[in-house]
C-alpha atoms as a PDB file:
ATOM      1  CA  UNK A   1     -45.856  45.653 170.988  1.00  0.00           C
ATOM      2  CA  UNK A   2     -46.100  42.281 172.735  1.00  0.00           C
ATOM      3  CA  UNK A   3     -47.687  42.381 176.184  1.00  0.00           C
ATOM      4  CA  UNK A   4     -47.027  39.399 178.416  1.00  0.00           C
ATOM      5  CA  UNK A   5     -47.921  38.560 181.974  1.00  0.00           C
ATOM      6  CA  UNK A   6     -45.362  37.606 184.602  1.00  0.00           C
ATOM      7  CA  UNK A   7     -45.858  33.880 184.062  1.00  0.00           C
ATOM      8  CA  UNK A   8     -45.391  33.640 180.321  1.00  0.00           C
ATOM      9  CA  UNK A   9     -42.237  34.050 178.333  1.00  0.00           C
ATOM     10  CA  UNK A  10     -42.347  36.900 175.789  1.00  0.00           C
ATOM     11  CA  UNK A  11     -42.260  35.755 172.203  1.00  0.00           C
ATOM     12  CA  UNK A  12     -39.277  36.639 170.052  1.00  0.00           C
ATOM     13  CA  UNK A  13     -40.291  38.991 167.258  1.00  0.00           C
ATOM     14  CA  UNK A  14     -39.560  37.949 163.702  1.00  0.00           C
ATOM     15  CA  UNK A  15     -37.247  40.155 161.681  1.00  0.00           C
ATOM     16  CA  UNK A  16     -40.246  41.200 159.623  1.00  0.00           C
ATOM     17  CA  UNK A  17     -41.698  42.738 162.805  1.00  0.00           C
ATOM     18  CA  UNK A  18     -38.452  44.576 163.489  1.00  0.00           C
ATOM     19  CA  UNK A  19     -37.784  45.705 159.941  1.00  0.00           C
ATOM     20  CA  UNK A  20     -41.085  46.300 158.149  1.00  0.00           C
ATOM     21  CA  UNK A  21     -39.430  47.983 155.149  1.00  0.00           C
ATOM     22  CA  UNK A  22     -37.226  44.944 154.547  1.00  0.00           C
ATOM     23  CA  UNK A  23     -40.130  42.545 154.955  1.00  0.00           C
ATOM     24  CA  UNK A  24     -41.904  44.252 152.053  1.00  0.00           C
ATOM     25  CA  UNK A  25     -39.361  42.549 149.783  1.00  0.00           C
ATOM     26  CA  UNK A  26     -40.261  39.089 151.085  1.00  0.00           C
ATOM     27  CA  UNK A  27     -42.999  36.797 149.836  1.00  0.00           C
ATOM     28  CA  UNK A  28     -46.211  37.001 151.859  1.00  0.00           C
ATOM     29  CA  UNK A  29     -45.673  33.489 153.210  1.00  0.00           C
ATOM     30  CA  UNK A  30     -42.391  34.492 154.922  1.00  0.00           C
ATOM     31  CA  UNK A  31     -41.089  30.946 154.433  1.00  0.00           C
ATOM     32  CA  UNK A  32     -38.412  30.439 157.135  1.00  0.00           C
ATOM     33  CA  UNK A  33     -36.502  28.080 154.841  1.00  0.00           C
ATOM     34  CA  UNK A  34     -36.292  30.603 152.023  1.00  0.00           C
ATOM     35  CA  UNK A  35     -32.715  31.007 150.791  1.00  0.00           C
ATOM     36  CA  UNK A  36     -31.607  34.579 150.081  1.00  0.00           C
ATOM     37  CA  UNK A  37     -28.613  35.829 148.151  1.00  0.00           C
ATOM     38  CA  UNK A  38     -26.173  38.267 149.745  1.00  0.00           C
ATOM     39  CA  UNK A  39     -27.855  41.112 147.845  1.00  0.00           C
ATOM     40  CA  UNK A  40     -31.256  40.054 149.250  1.00  0.00           C
ATOM     41  CA  UNK A  41     -30.076  39.285 152.797  1.00  0.00           C
ATOM     42  CA  UNK A  42     -28.107  42.502 153.308  1.00  0.00           C
ATOM     43  CA  UNK A  43     -31.051  44.945 153.125  1.00  0.00           C
ATOM     44  CA  UNK A  44     -33.104  42.530 155.242  1.00  0.00           C
ATOM     45  CA  UNK A  45     -30.460  42.974 157.950  1.00  0.00           C
ATOM     46  CA  UNK A  46     -30.116  46.696 157.272  1.00  0.00           C
ATOM     47  CA  UNK A  47     -26.514  46.528 156.051  1.00  0.00           C
ATOM     48  CA  UNK A  48     -24.813  46.754 152.672  1.00  0.00           C
ATOM     49  CA  UNK A  49     -23.922  43.621 150.697  1.00  0.00           C
ATOM     50  CA  UNK A  50     -20.236  44.558 151.114  1.00  0.00           C
ATOM     51  CA  UNK A  51     -20.626  44.652 154.913  1.00  0.00           C
ATOM     52  CA  UNK A  52     -22.306  41.252 154.897  1.00  0.00           C
ATOM     53  CA  UNK A  53     -19.499  39.865 152.694  1.00  0.00           C
ATOM     54  CA  UNK A  54     -16.907  41.256 155.110  1.00  0.00           C
ATOM     55  CA  UNK A  55     -18.680  39.732 158.113  1.00  0.00           C
ATOM     56  CA  UNK A  56     -18.801  36.392 156.291  1.00  0.00           C
ATOM     57  CA  UNK A  57     -15.108  36.396 155.352  1.00  0.00           C
ATOM     58  CA  UNK A  58     -13.922  37.487 158.805  1.00  0.00           C
ATOM     59  CA  UNK A  59     -16.457  35.512 160.840  1.00  0.00           C
ATOM     60  CA  UNK A  60     -17.484  38.734 162.575  1.00  0.00           C
ATOM     61  CA  UNK A  61     -20.943  38.707 164.188  1.00  0.00           C
ATOM     62  CA  UNK A  62     -21.583  35.039 163.357  1.00  0.00           C
ATOM     63  CA  UNK A  63     -24.264  35.431 160.685  1.00  0.00           C
ATOM     64  CA  UNK A  64     -24.855  31.873 159.489  1.00  0.00           C
ATOM     65  CA  UNK A  65     -24.817  31.091 155.777  1.00  0.00           C
ATOM     66  CA  UNK A  66     -25.040  28.101 153.465  1.00  0.00           C
ATOM     67  CA  UNK A  67     -22.670  27.237 150.632  1.00  0.00           C
ATOM     68  CA  UNK A  68     -24.433  25.821 147.581  1.00  0.00           C
ATOM     69  CA  UNK A  69     -21.551  24.934 145.317  1.00  0.00           C
ATOM     70  CA  UNK A  70     -19.695  28.221 144.966  1.00  0.00           C
ATOM     71  CA  UNK A  71     -22.786  30.259 145.813  1.00  0.00           C
ATOM     72  CA  UNK A  72     -23.577  31.715 149.233  1.00  0.00           C
ATOM     73  CA  UNK A  73     -27.132  31.711 150.562  1.00  0.00           C
ATOM     74  CA  UNK A  74     -28.699  32.917 153.804  1.00  0.00           C
ATOM     75  CA  UNK A  75     -31.659  31.034 155.242  1.00  0.00           C
ATOM     76  CA  UNK A  76     -34.370  33.441 156.365  1.00  0.00           C
ATOM     77  CA  UNK A  77     -34.847  31.558 159.651  1.00  0.00           C
ATOM     78  CA  UNK A  78     -31.139  32.008 160.467  1.00  0.00           C
ATOM     79  CA  UNK A  79     -31.364  35.741 159.758  1.00  0.00           C
ATOM     80  CA  UNK A  80     -34.427  36.062 162.003  1.00  0.00           C
ATOM     81  CA  UNK A  81     -32.659  34.153 164.790  1.00  0.00           C
ATOM     82  CA  UNK A  82     -29.530  36.274 164.428  1.00  0.00           C
ATOM     83  CA  UNK A  83     -31.553  39.485 164.608  1.00  0.00           C
ATOM     84  CA  UNK A  84     -33.421  38.226 167.681  1.00  0.00           C
ATOM     85  CA  UNK A  85     -30.087  37.393 169.351  1.00  0.00           C
ATOM     86  CA  UNK A  86     -29.014  41.013 168.897  1.00  0.00           C
ATOM     87  CA  UNK A  87     -31.921  42.418 170.927  1.00  0.00           C
ATOM     88  CA  UNK A  88     -30.825  44.706 173.738  1.00  0.00           C
ATOM     89  CA  UNK A  89     -32.531  45.737 176.962  1.00  0.00           C
ATOM     90  CA  UNK A  90     -30.511  48.914 177.551  1.00  0.00           C
ATOM     91  CA  UNK A  91     -27.658  50.915 176.037  1.00  0.00           C
ATOM     92  CA  UNK A  92     -25.129  49.529 178.537  1.00  0.00           C
ATOM     93  CA  UNK A  93     -25.155  46.115 176.901  1.00  0.00           C
ATOM     94  CA  UNK A  94     -22.197  45.342 174.649  1.00  0.00           C
ATOM     95  CA  UNK A  95     -24.144  43.920 171.708  1.00  0.00           C
ATOM     96  CA  UNK A  96     -21.508  41.254 171.131  1.00  0.00           C
ATOM     97  CA  UNK A  97     -22.717  37.687 171.402  1.00  0.00           C
ATOM     98  CA  UNK A  98     -20.421  34.694 171.894  1.00  0.00           C
ATOM     99  CA  UNK A  99     -20.673  32.375 168.926  1.00  0.00           C
END
């Protein structure tokens, strides 16, 4: 748990801090520029590959991806940023973020 004083801004946790089981599948270096396939990115986010494919095709939730020819890749830094943007303070928040 991050403890901060009133004058400093709390740091944003990396996805590996939020999802320790998923981070076990990542290299120790946790290279933020690492490109993951859909099958690698989905468990990192805690969803199925099919769900991630659906989000990508519909534009739902705004998970950024990169097209490399006909292949789809997810940059680890983008996944971490997306997860951080989904943080909630209380259950009354909608969870939807404007893209």
